[in-house]
């Protein structure tokens, strides 16, 4: 089993930056594809970004590319999401998830709240 714990959320003004971390325990995540998702109040959970097991391939939802950057440090068993030029509409609970490269996301964190004030 893999346990994922997100951190780094908080309150930031529009235009600011935050870096979220997702620390994994239980087993190494070096073989897993990792992803970030978010859910705003009253909305469906949406995909934010993903990164391949080696870190060589990343994907983003179109509107976030250029502002958000996903990365990972397999030696630290940690995945990151750097968020720049934050907007109020980025306010959401952000979740980290992991799974095998050819499957879905089997492991989820508890989420971290990001609030962007205008």
C-alpha atoms as a PDB file:
ATOM      1  CA  UNK A   1       0.000   0.000   0.000  1.00  0.00           C
ATOM      2  CA  UNK A   2       1.035   3.565  -0.657  1.00  0.00           C
ATOM      3  CA  UNK A   3       0.102   6.431   1.591  1.00  0.00           C
ATOM      4  CA  UNK A   4       0.166   9.919   0.097  1.00  0.00           C
ATOM      5  CA  UNK A   5       0.225  13.098   2.157  1.00  0.00           C
ATOM      6  CA  UNK A   6      -0.075  16.514   0.532  1.00  0.00           C
ATOM      7  CA  UNK A   7       1.248  19.694   2.071  1.00  0.00           C
ATOM      8  CA  UNK A   8       2.013  23.248   1.090  1.00  0.00           C
ATOM      9  CA  UNK A   9      -1.484  24.567   0.613  1.00  0.00           C
ATOM     10  CA  UNK A  10      -2.682  27.793   2.138  1.00  0.00           C
ATOM     11  CA  UNK A  11      -3.997  31.276   1.491  1.00  0.00           C
ATOM     12  CA  UNK A  12      -2.264  33.372  -1.150  1.00  0.00           C
ATOM     13  CA  UNK A  13      -3.105  36.564  -3.007  1.00  0.00           C
ATOM     14  CA  UNK A  14      -3.842  36.518  -6.700  1.00  0.00           C
ATOM     15  CA  UNK A  15      -0.613  36.543  -8.662  1.00  0.00           C
ATOM     16  CA  UNK A  16       1.239  34.675  -5.961  1.00  0.00           C
ATOM     17  CA  UNK A  17       2.823  31.243  -5.939  1.00  0.00           C
ATOM     18  CA  UNK A  18       2.628  28.057  -3.947  1.00  0.00           C
ATOM     19  CA  UNK A  19       4.463  24.769  -4.150  1.00  0.00           C
ATOM     20  CA  UNK A  20       2.558  21.693  -3.140  1.00  0.00           C
ATOM     21  CA  UNK A  21       4.332  18.552  -2.030  1.00  0.00           C
ATOM     22  CA  UNK A  22       3.087  14.988  -1.995  1.00  0.00           C
ATOM     23  CA  UNK A  23       5.100  12.708   0.247  1.00  0.00           C
ATOM     24  CA  UNK A  24       4.665   8.991  -0.252  1.00  0.00           C
ATOM     25  CA  UNK A  25       5.237   6.234   2.263  1.00  0.00           C
ATOM     26  CA  UNK A  26       4.680   2.508   2.406  1.00  0.00           C
ATOM     27  CA  UNK A  27       6.508   1.746  -0.793  1.00  0.00           C
ATOM     28  CA  UNK A  28       8.560   3.480  -3.414  1.00  0.00           C
ATOM     29  CA  UNK A  29       6.606   5.407  -6.020  1.00  0.00           C
ATOM     30  CA  UNK A  30       9.383   5.365  -8.600  1.00  0.00           C
ATOM     31  CA  UNK A  31       7.398   2.944 -10.779  1.00  0.00           C
ATOM     32  CA  UNK A  32       4.158   4.892 -10.544  1.00  0.00           C
ATOM     33  CA  UNK A  33       2.637   7.557 -12.681  1.00  0.00           C
ATOM     34  CA  UNK A  34       1.683  10.385 -10.355  1.00  0.00           C
ATOM     35  CA  UNK A  35      -0.962  13.009 -10.794  1.00  0.00           C
ATOM     36  CA  UNK A  36      -2.503  16.092  -9.283  1.00  0.00           C
ATOM     37  CA  UNK A  37      -6.222  16.764  -9.259  1.00  0.00           C
ATOM     38  CA  UNK A  38      -8.338  19.491  -7.740  1.00  0.00           C
ATOM     39  CA  UNK A  39     -11.913  19.993  -6.654  1.00  0.00           C
ATOM     40  CA  UNK A  40     -13.470  23.392  -6.204  1.00  0.00           C
ATOM     41  CA  UNK A  41     -16.601  23.902  -4.090  1.00  0.00           C
ATOM     42  CA  UNK A  42     -19.660  22.664  -5.938  1.00  0.00           C
ATOM     43  CA  UNK A  43     -17.631  21.330  -8.855  1.00  0.00           C
ATOM     44  CA  UNK A  44     -16.429  17.984 -10.080  1.00  0.00           C
ATOM     45  CA  UNK A  45     -12.888  16.888  -9.395  1.00  0.00           C
ATOM     46  CA  UNK A  46     -10.687  17.752 -12.352  1.00  0.00           C
ATOM     47  CA  UNK A  47      -7.320  16.661 -13.626  1.00  0.00           C
ATOM     48  CA  UNK A  48      -4.503  19.153 -13.135  1.00  0.00           C
ATOM     49  CA  UNK A  49      -1.248  17.479 -14.130  1.00  0.00           C
ATOM     50  CA  UNK A  50       0.559  14.166 -14.306  1.00  0.00           C
ATOM     51  CA  UNK A  51       4.120  12.969 -14.491  1.00  0.00           C
ATOM     52  CA  UNK A  52       5.528   9.664 -15.669  1.00  0.00           C
ATOM     53  CA  UNK A  53       7.472   7.348 -13.409  1.00  0.00           C
ATOM     54  CA  UNK A  54      10.829   8.639 -14.638  1.00  0.00           C
ATOM     55  CA  UNK A  55       9.669  12.242 -14.739  1.00  0.00           C
ATOM     56  CA  UNK A  56      10.398  12.453 -18.429  1.00  0.00           C
ATOM     57  CA  UNK A  57       6.825  12.992 -19.540  1.00  0.00           C
ATOM     58  CA  UNK A  58       4.354  15.458 -18.102  1.00  0.00           C
ATOM     59  CA  UNK A  59       0.830  16.416 -18.995  1.00  0.00           C
ATOM     60  CA  UNK A  60      -1.368  19.314 -17.989  1.00  0.00           C
ATOM     61  CA  UNK A  61      -4.910  20.380 -18.406  1.00  0.00           C
ATOM     62  CA  UNK A  62      -4.777  22.979 -21.136  1.00  0.00           C
ATOM     63  CA  UNK A  63      -5.683  26.072 -19.185  1.00  0.00           C
ATOM     64  CA  UNK A  64      -2.982  25.482 -16.572  1.00  0.00           C
ATOM     65  CA  UNK A  65      -0.029  24.751 -18.793  1.00  0.00           C
ATOM     66  CA  UNK A  66       2.525  27.489 -18.401  1.00  0.00           C
ATOM     67  CA  UNK A  67       1.472  28.409 -14.888  1.00  0.00           C
ATOM     68  CA  UNK A  68       1.734  25.027 -13.155  1.00  0.00           C
ATOM     69  CA  UNK A  69       4.724  22.670 -13.207  1.00  0.00           C
ATOM     70  CA  UNK A  70       4.722  19.105 -11.942  1.00  0.00           C
ATOM     71  CA  UNK A  71       7.966  17.435 -10.906  1.00  0.00           C
ATOM     72  CA  UNK A  72       9.150  14.539  -8.817  1.00  0.00           C
ATOM     73  CA  UNK A  73      12.108  13.393  -6.777  1.00  0.00           C
ATOM     74  CA  UNK A  74      12.034   9.622  -6.645  1.00  0.00           C
ATOM     75  CA  UNK A  75      14.934   9.551  -4.215  1.00  0.00           C
ATOM     76  CA  UNK A  76      12.739  11.489  -1.781  1.00  0.00           C
ATOM     77  CA  UNK A  77       9.576   9.616  -2.767  1.00  0.00           C
ATOM     78  CA  UNK A  78       7.940  12.986  -3.321  1.00  0.00           C
ATOM     79  CA  UNK A  79       6.014  14.723  -6.065  1.00  0.00           C
ATOM     80  CA  UNK A  80       5.625  18.478  -6.387  1.00  0.00           C
ATOM     81  CA  UNK A  81       3.283  20.945  -8.018  1.00  0.00           C
ATOM     82  CA  UNK A  82       4.646  24.442  -8.496  1.00  0.00           C
ATOM     83  CA  UNK A  83       1.813  26.900  -9.029  1.00  0.00           C
ATOM     84  CA  UNK A  84       2.573  30.405 -10.274  1.00  0.00           C
ATOM     85  CA  UNK A  85       0.424  33.401 -11.189  1.00  0.00           C
ATOM     86  CA  UNK A  86      -2.385  32.009  -9.109  1.00  0.00           C
ATOM     87  CA  UNK A  87      -5.926  33.167  -9.766  1.00  0.00           C
ATOM     88  CA  UNK A  88      -9.020  33.089  -7.556  1.00  0.00           C
ATOM     89  CA  UNK A  89     -10.439  30.361  -9.787  1.00  0.00           C
ATOM     90  CA  UNK A  90      -7.539  28.121  -8.740  1.00  0.00           C
ATOM     91  CA  UNK A  91      -9.112  27.917  -5.292  1.00  0.00           C
ATOM     92  CA  UNK A  92      -9.760  24.238  -4.580  1.00  0.00           C
ATOM     93  CA  UNK A  93      -8.685  21.224  -2.620  1.00  0.00           C
ATOM     94  CA  UNK A  94      -5.693  19.727  -4.393  1.00  0.00           C
ATOM     95  CA  UNK A  95      -5.173  15.997  -4.350  1.00  0.00           C
ATOM     96  CA  UNK A  96      -2.166  13.875  -5.176  1.00  0.00           C
ATOM     97  CA  UNK A  97      -2.714  10.470  -6.741  1.00  0.00           C
ATOM     98  CA  UNK A  98      -0.609   7.572  -7.960  1.00  0.00           C
ATOM     99  CA  UNK A  99      -1.007   4.453 -10.027  1.00  0.00           C
ATOM    100  CA  UNK A 100       0.623   2.106 -12.449  1.00  0.00           C
ATOM    101  CA  UNK A 101       1.514   3.689 -15.794  1.00  0.00           C
ATOM    102  CA  UNK A 102      -1.045   1.665 -17.740  1.00  0.00           C
ATOM    103  CA  UNK A 103      -3.820   1.831 -15.200  1.00  0.00           C
ATOM    104  CA  UNK A 104      -5.861   4.305 -13.247  1.00  0.00           C
ATOM    105  CA  UNK A 105      -4.988   6.095 -10.068  1.00  0.00           C
ATOM    106  CA  UNK A 106      -5.165   3.632  -7.204  1.00  0.00           C
ATOM    107  CA  UNK A 107      -3.787   5.756  -4.386  1.00  0.00           C
ATOM    108  CA  UNK A 108      -5.023   9.144  -3.244  1.00  0.00           C
ATOM    109  CA  UNK A 109      -4.003  11.639  -0.621  1.00  0.00           C
ATOM    110  CA  UNK A 110      -6.367  13.470   1.683  1.00  0.00           C
ATOM    111  CA  UNK A 111      -5.942  16.778  -0.104  1.00  0.00           C
ATOM    112  CA  UNK A 112      -4.622  20.204   0.761  1.00  0.00           C
ATOM    113  CA  UNK A 113      -6.627  23.409   0.565  1.00  0.00           C
ATOM    114  CA  UNK A 114      -5.468  26.200  -1.711  1.00  0.00           C
ATOM    115  CA  UNK A 115      -7.278  29.520  -1.436  1.00  0.00           C
ATOM    116  CA  UNK A 116      -6.458  32.420  -3.728  1.00  0.00           C
ATOM    117  CA  UNK A 117      -7.816  35.798  -2.722  1.00  0.00           C
ATOM    118  CA  UNK A 118      -8.508  38.584  -5.196  1.00  0.00           C
END
